[in-house]
Amino acid sequence: MPDGFAPDEIERLAELARLALTADERALFARQLGDILAFAAHIRSVDTTGVPATSHPAGVSGALREDLVRPSLNRGDALAQAPDADTAAGLFKVPRVFER
């Protein structure tokens, strides 16, 4: 893993995240990202030989229930209560999230 981030790498990450960063913010983020990578390298160096793999740190008991089919809200009733629904297509219309 690299020891730090080059300025062009920070610019590229900022561009991907659509962030306009000042010079101070670029320096801060470069240091913070370097610290994160250093911590990840430290974690990877820990010897876990003999440690059993777990999917959850605490025992899971009673967290899952039987999957039962139960009555639910009728699609027509749900669409009738939704603002600006396309009932013919059976769809809810929601505000645009991404710009084109």
N, C-alpha and C. Protein backbone atom coordinates (compact mmCIF):
# COMPACT_ATOMS: atom_id res chain seq x y z
N MET A 1 0.84 -1.18 0.00
CA MET A 1 0.00 0.00 0.00
C MET A 1 0.88 1.24 0.00
N PRO A 2 0.41 2.30 -0.66
CA PRO A 2 1.23 3.51 -0.70
C PRO A 2 1.29 4.19 0.66
N ASP A 3 2.40 4.91 0.87
CA ASP A 3 2.56 5.63 2.12
C ASP A 3 1.66 6.85 2.19
N GLY A 4 1.36 7.44 1.06
CA GLY A 4 0.53 8.64 1.04
C GLY A 4 -0.17 8.76 -0.30
N PHE A 5 -0.85 9.84 -0.45
CA PHE A 5 -1.57 10.09 -1.69
C PHE A 5 -0.95 11.26 -2.41
N ALA A 6 -0.79 11.12 -3.70
CA ALA A 6 -0.28 12.21 -4.53
C ALA A 6 -1.41 13.21 -4.74
N PRO A 7 -1.07 14.48 -4.97
CA PRO A 7 -2.11 15.49 -5.18
C PRO A 7 -3.08 15.14 -6.31
N ASP A 8 -2.59 14.52 -7.39
CA ASP A 8 -3.49 14.17 -8.50
C ASP A 8 -4.47 13.06 -8.09
N GLU A 9 -4.06 12.18 -7.17
CA GLU A 9 -4.97 11.14 -6.68
C GLU A 9 -6.08 11.75 -5.84
N ILE A 10 -5.74 12.73 -5.01
CA ILE A 10 -6.75 13.41 -4.21
C ILE A 10 -7.72 14.17 -5.11
N GLU A 11 -7.18 14.82 -6.13
CA GLU A 11 -8.04 15.55 -7.08
C GLU A 11 -8.99 14.59 -7.78
N ARG A 12 -8.49 13.42 -8.17
CA ARG A 12 -9.33 12.44 -8.86
C ARG A 12 -10.44 11.94 -7.92
N LEU A 13 -10.09 11.65 -6.68
CA LEU A 13 -11.11 11.21 -5.71
C LEU A 13 -12.14 12.30 -5.46
N ALA A 14 -11.68 13.53 -5.35
CA ALA A 14 -12.59 14.65 -5.13
C ALA A 14 -13.52 14.82 -6.33
N GLU A 15 -12.97 14.63 -7.52
CA GLU A 15 -13.80 14.74 -8.74
C GLU A 15 -14.86 13.64 -8.75
N LEU A 16 -14.47 12.42 -8.39
CA LEU A 16 -15.43 11.32 -8.36
C LEU A 16 -16.54 11.57 -7.34
N ALA A 17 -16.17 12.20 -6.22
CA ALA A 17 -17.15 12.50 -5.17
C ALA A 17 -17.84 13.84 -5.41
N ARG A 18 -17.46 14.50 -6.49
CA ARG A 18 -18.01 15.82 -6.84
C ARG A 18 -17.83 16.83 -5.71
N LEU A 19 -16.60 16.88 -5.22
CA LEU A 19 -16.24 17.81 -4.16
C LEU A 19 -15.28 18.85 -4.70
N ALA A 20 -15.52 20.08 -4.35
CA ALA A 20 -14.58 21.16 -4.67
C ALA A 20 -13.77 21.41 -3.40
N LEU A 21 -12.50 21.02 -3.43
CA LEU A 21 -11.68 21.09 -2.23
C LEU A 21 -10.69 22.25 -2.31
N THR A 22 -10.47 22.86 -1.16
CA THR A 22 -9.42 23.88 -1.06
C THR A 22 -8.09 23.15 -0.89
N ALA A 23 -7.00 23.89 -0.99
CA ALA A 23 -5.68 23.29 -0.80
C ALA A 23 -5.55 22.69 0.60
N ASP A 24 -6.08 23.38 1.60
CA ASP A 24 -6.03 22.86 2.97
C ASP A 24 -6.83 21.56 3.10
N GLU A 25 -7.99 21.52 2.47
CA GLU A 25 -8.82 20.31 2.53
C GLU A 25 -8.14 19.15 1.80
N ARG A 26 -7.50 19.43 0.67
CA ARG A 26 -6.78 18.37 -0.05
C ARG A 26 -5.69 17.78 0.83
N ALA A 27 -4.94 18.65 1.50
CA ALA A 27 -3.87 18.18 2.39
C ALA A 27 -4.45 17.37 3.55
N LEU A 28 -5.54 17.85 4.12
CA LEU A 28 -6.20 17.14 5.23
C LEU A 28 -6.68 15.77 4.79
N PHE A 29 -7.37 15.72 3.64
CA PHE A 29 -7.90 14.45 3.17
C PHE A 29 -6.78 13.49 2.79
N ALA A 30 -5.69 14.00 2.23
CA ALA A 30 -4.55 13.14 1.89
C ALA A 30 -4.01 12.50 3.16
N ARG A 31 -3.87 13.28 4.22
CA ARG A 31 -3.38 12.75 5.49
C ARG A 31 -4.37 11.74 6.08
N GLN A 32 -5.66 12.08 6.06
CA GLN A 32 -6.66 11.19 6.63
C GLN A 32 -6.75 9.87 5.86
N LEU A 33 -6.72 9.95 4.53
CA LEU A 33 -6.77 8.72 3.74
C LEU A 33 -5.52 7.87 3.96
N GLY A 34 -4.38 8.52 4.10
CA GLY A 34 -3.15 7.80 4.42
C GLY A 34 -3.24 7.11 5.76
N ASP A 35 -3.82 7.79 6.74
CA ASP A 35 -4.01 7.20 8.07
C ASP A 35 -4.93 5.98 8.01
N ILE A 36 -5.98 6.07 7.20
CA ILE A 36 -6.90 4.95 7.05
C ILE A 36 -6.19 3.75 6.44
N LEU A 37 -5.39 3.99 5.40
CA LEU A 37 -4.65 2.89 4.78
C LEU A 37 -3.63 2.30 5.74
N ALA A 38 -2.98 3.14 6.53
CA ALA A 38 -2.01 2.65 7.51
C ALA A 38 -2.71 1.79 8.55
N PHE A 39 -3.88 2.19 8.98
CA PHE A 39 -4.64 1.41 9.96
C PHE A 39 -5.05 0.07 9.35
N ALA A 40 -5.50 0.10 8.08
CA ALA A 40 -5.88 -1.15 7.40
C ALA A 40 -4.68 -2.08 7.30
N ALA A 41 -3.50 -1.53 7.00
CA ALA A 41 -2.30 -2.36 6.93
C ALA A 41 -1.98 -2.96 8.30
N HIS A 42 -2.17 -2.17 9.34
CA HIS A 42 -1.94 -2.67 10.70
C HIS A 42 -2.89 -3.82 11.03
N ILE A 43 -4.15 -3.66 10.68
CA ILE A 43 -5.15 -4.70 10.94
C ILE A 43 -4.80 -5.97 10.15
N ARG A 44 -4.36 -5.79 8.90
CA ARG A 44 -4.00 -6.96 8.09
C ARG A 44 -2.79 -7.70 8.65
N SER A 45 -1.94 -7.01 9.40
CA SER A 45 -0.74 -7.64 9.93
C SER A 45 -1.01 -8.48 11.19
N VAL A 46 -2.20 -8.38 11.75
CA VAL A 46 -2.53 -9.14 12.95
C VAL A 46 -2.67 -10.62 12.60
N ASP A 47 -2.01 -11.46 13.36
CA ASP A 47 -2.06 -12.90 13.13
C ASP A 47 -3.39 -13.45 13.65
N THR A 48 -4.21 -13.93 12.73
CA THR A 48 -5.52 -14.47 13.10
C THR A 48 -5.55 -15.99 12.93
N THR A 49 -4.39 -16.60 12.86
CA THR A 49 -4.32 -18.05 12.73
C THR A 49 -5.00 -18.68 13.95
N GLY A 50 -5.88 -19.60 13.67
CA GLY A 50 -6.58 -20.29 14.76
C GLY A 50 -7.82 -19.57 15.25
N VAL A 51 -8.10 -18.41 14.72
CA VAL A 51 -9.32 -17.69 15.12
C VAL A 51 -10.43 -18.10 14.16
N PRO A 52 -11.49 -18.69 14.66
CA PRO A 52 -12.56 -19.12 13.75
C PRO A 52 -13.27 -17.93 13.11
N ALA A 53 -13.65 -18.14 11.86
CA ALA A 53 -14.39 -17.10 11.15
C ALA A 53 -15.76 -16.94 11.77
N THR A 54 -16.22 -15.70 11.86
CA THR A 54 -17.55 -15.44 12.39
C THR A 54 -18.29 -14.50 11.45
N SER A 55 -19.58 -14.63 11.43
CA SER A 55 -20.38 -13.71 10.62
C SER A 55 -20.97 -12.60 11.48
N HIS A 56 -20.88 -12.80 12.80
CA HIS A 56 -21.45 -11.81 13.72
C HIS A 56 -20.65 -11.88 15.01
N PRO A 57 -20.29 -10.74 15.58
CA PRO A 57 -19.46 -10.77 16.79
C PRO A 57 -20.15 -11.38 18.01
N ALA A 58 -21.44 -11.32 18.04
CA ALA A 58 -22.19 -11.89 19.17
C ALA A 58 -23.05 -13.02 18.63
N GLY A 59 -23.33 -13.97 19.45
CA GLY A 59 -24.19 -15.07 19.02
C GLY A 59 -25.57 -14.57 18.63
N VAL A 60 -26.06 -15.04 17.51
CA VAL A 60 -27.37 -14.64 17.05
C VAL A 60 -28.36 -15.71 17.49
N SER A 61 -29.31 -15.31 18.32
CA SER A 61 -30.32 -16.27 18.73
C SER A 61 -31.67 -15.58 18.76
N GLY A 62 -32.62 -16.20 18.10
CA GLY A 62 -33.96 -15.65 18.09
C GLY A 62 -34.12 -14.42 17.20
N ALA A 63 -33.09 -14.08 16.42
CA ALA A 63 -33.18 -12.89 15.61
C ALA A 63 -33.98 -13.13 14.34
N LEU A 64 -34.05 -14.38 13.91
CA LEU A 64 -34.76 -14.69 12.68
C LEU A 64 -36.12 -15.28 13.01
N ARG A 65 -37.07 -14.91 12.22
CA ARG A 65 -38.41 -15.44 12.41
C ARG A 65 -38.79 -16.25 11.18
N GLU A 66 -39.77 -17.07 11.33
CA GLU A 66 -40.25 -17.85 10.21
C GLU A 66 -40.87 -16.92 9.17
N ASP A 67 -40.61 -17.18 7.91
CA ASP A 67 -41.12 -16.35 6.84
C ASP A 67 -42.54 -16.80 6.52
N LEU A 68 -43.52 -15.99 6.89
CA LEU A 68 -44.92 -16.33 6.69
C LEU A 68 -45.57 -15.38 5.70
N VAL A 69 -46.41 -15.94 4.86
CA VAL A 69 -47.18 -15.11 3.94
C VAL A 69 -48.33 -14.52 4.72
N ARG A 70 -48.44 -13.18 4.67
CA ARG A 70 -49.51 -12.49 5.38
C ARG A 70 -50.16 -11.49 4.44
N PRO A 71 -51.39 -11.11 4.69
CA PRO A 71 -52.04 -10.12 3.84
C PRO A 71 -51.31 -8.77 3.94
N SER A 72 -51.26 -8.07 2.83
CA SER A 72 -50.62 -6.76 2.82
C SER A 72 -51.53 -5.76 2.11
N LEU A 73 -51.07 -4.54 2.01
CA LEU A 73 -51.84 -3.48 1.38
C LEU A 73 -52.02 -3.77 -0.11
N ASN A 74 -53.22 -3.63 -0.58
CA ASN A 74 -53.54 -3.82 -1.98
C ASN A 74 -52.81 -2.76 -2.81
N ARG A 75 -52.24 -3.15 -3.96
CA ARG A 75 -51.49 -2.22 -4.80
C ARG A 75 -52.34 -1.02 -5.22
N GLY A 76 -53.58 -1.26 -5.59
CA GLY A 76 -54.46 -0.17 -6.00
C GLY A 76 -54.70 0.82 -4.87
N ASP A 77 -54.90 0.31 -3.64
CA ASP A 77 -55.09 1.18 -2.48
C ASP A 77 -53.84 2.02 -2.21
N ALA A 78 -52.68 1.39 -2.33
CA ALA A 78 -51.43 2.11 -2.10
C ALA A 78 -51.24 3.20 -3.14
N LEU A 79 -51.48 2.87 -4.41
CA LEU A 79 -51.33 3.87 -5.47
C LEU A 79 -52.35 4.99 -5.34
N ALA A 80 -53.54 4.68 -4.87
CA ALA A 80 -54.58 5.70 -4.71
C ALA A 80 -54.17 6.73 -3.66
N GLN A 81 -53.35 6.35 -2.70
CA GLN A 81 -52.93 7.26 -1.64
C GLN A 81 -51.63 7.99 -1.96
N ALA A 82 -50.97 7.61 -3.05
CA ALA A 82 -49.68 8.20 -3.40
C ALA A 82 -49.88 9.43 -4.28
N PRO A 83 -49.12 10.50 -4.01
CA PRO A 83 -49.23 11.66 -4.88
C PRO A 83 -48.59 11.37 -6.24
N ASP A 84 -49.25 11.75 -7.31
CA ASP A 84 -48.71 11.65 -8.66
C ASP A 84 -48.32 10.23 -9.06
N ALA A 85 -49.13 9.24 -8.68
CA ALA A 85 -48.84 7.85 -9.04
C ALA A 85 -49.33 7.57 -10.45
N ASP A 86 -48.68 6.65 -11.14
CA ASP A 86 -49.11 6.21 -12.47
C ASP A 86 -49.88 4.92 -12.26
N THR A 87 -51.19 5.06 -12.04
CA THR A 87 -52.00 3.89 -11.69
C THR A 87 -52.09 2.91 -12.86
N ALA A 88 -52.07 3.40 -14.10
CA ALA A 88 -52.15 2.51 -15.25
C ALA A 88 -50.93 1.59 -15.32
N ALA A 89 -49.77 2.12 -15.01
CA ALA A 89 -48.55 1.32 -15.02
C ALA A 89 -48.32 0.61 -13.70
N GLY A 90 -49.05 1.03 -12.65
CA GLY A 90 -48.88 0.43 -11.33
C GLY A 90 -47.60 0.89 -10.64
N LEU A 91 -47.21 2.14 -10.90
CA LEU A 91 -45.94 2.64 -10.38
C LEU A 91 -46.13 3.91 -9.56
N PHE A 92 -45.25 4.09 -8.59
CA PHE A 92 -45.16 5.34 -7.84
C PHE A 92 -44.20 6.26 -8.59
N LYS A 93 -44.51 7.53 -8.66
CA LYS A 93 -43.58 8.49 -9.22
C LYS A 93 -42.90 9.22 -8.06
N VAL A 94 -41.59 9.31 -8.15
CA VAL A 94 -40.82 9.97 -7.10
C VAL A 94 -39.97 11.07 -7.72
N PRO A 95 -39.55 12.05 -6.92
CA PRO A 95 -38.70 13.10 -7.46
C PRO A 95 -37.39 12.53 -8.01
N ARG A 96 -36.89 13.16 -9.05
CA ARG A 96 -35.63 12.74 -9.67
C ARG A 96 -34.50 12.91 -8.66
N VAL A 97 -33.65 11.92 -8.57
CA VAL A 97 -32.53 11.95 -7.64
C VAL A 97 -31.25 12.37 -8.35
N PHE A 98 -31.06 11.87 -9.55
CA PHE A 98 -29.86 12.18 -10.32
C PHE A 98 -30.21 13.10 -11.47
N GLU A 99 -29.32 14.03 -11.76
CA GLU A 99 -29.53 14.91 -12.90
C GLU A 99 -29.01 14.22 -14.15
N ARG A 100 -29.56 14.59 -15.27
CA ARG A 100 -29.08 14.02 -16.54
C ARG A 100 -28.08 14.93 -17.17
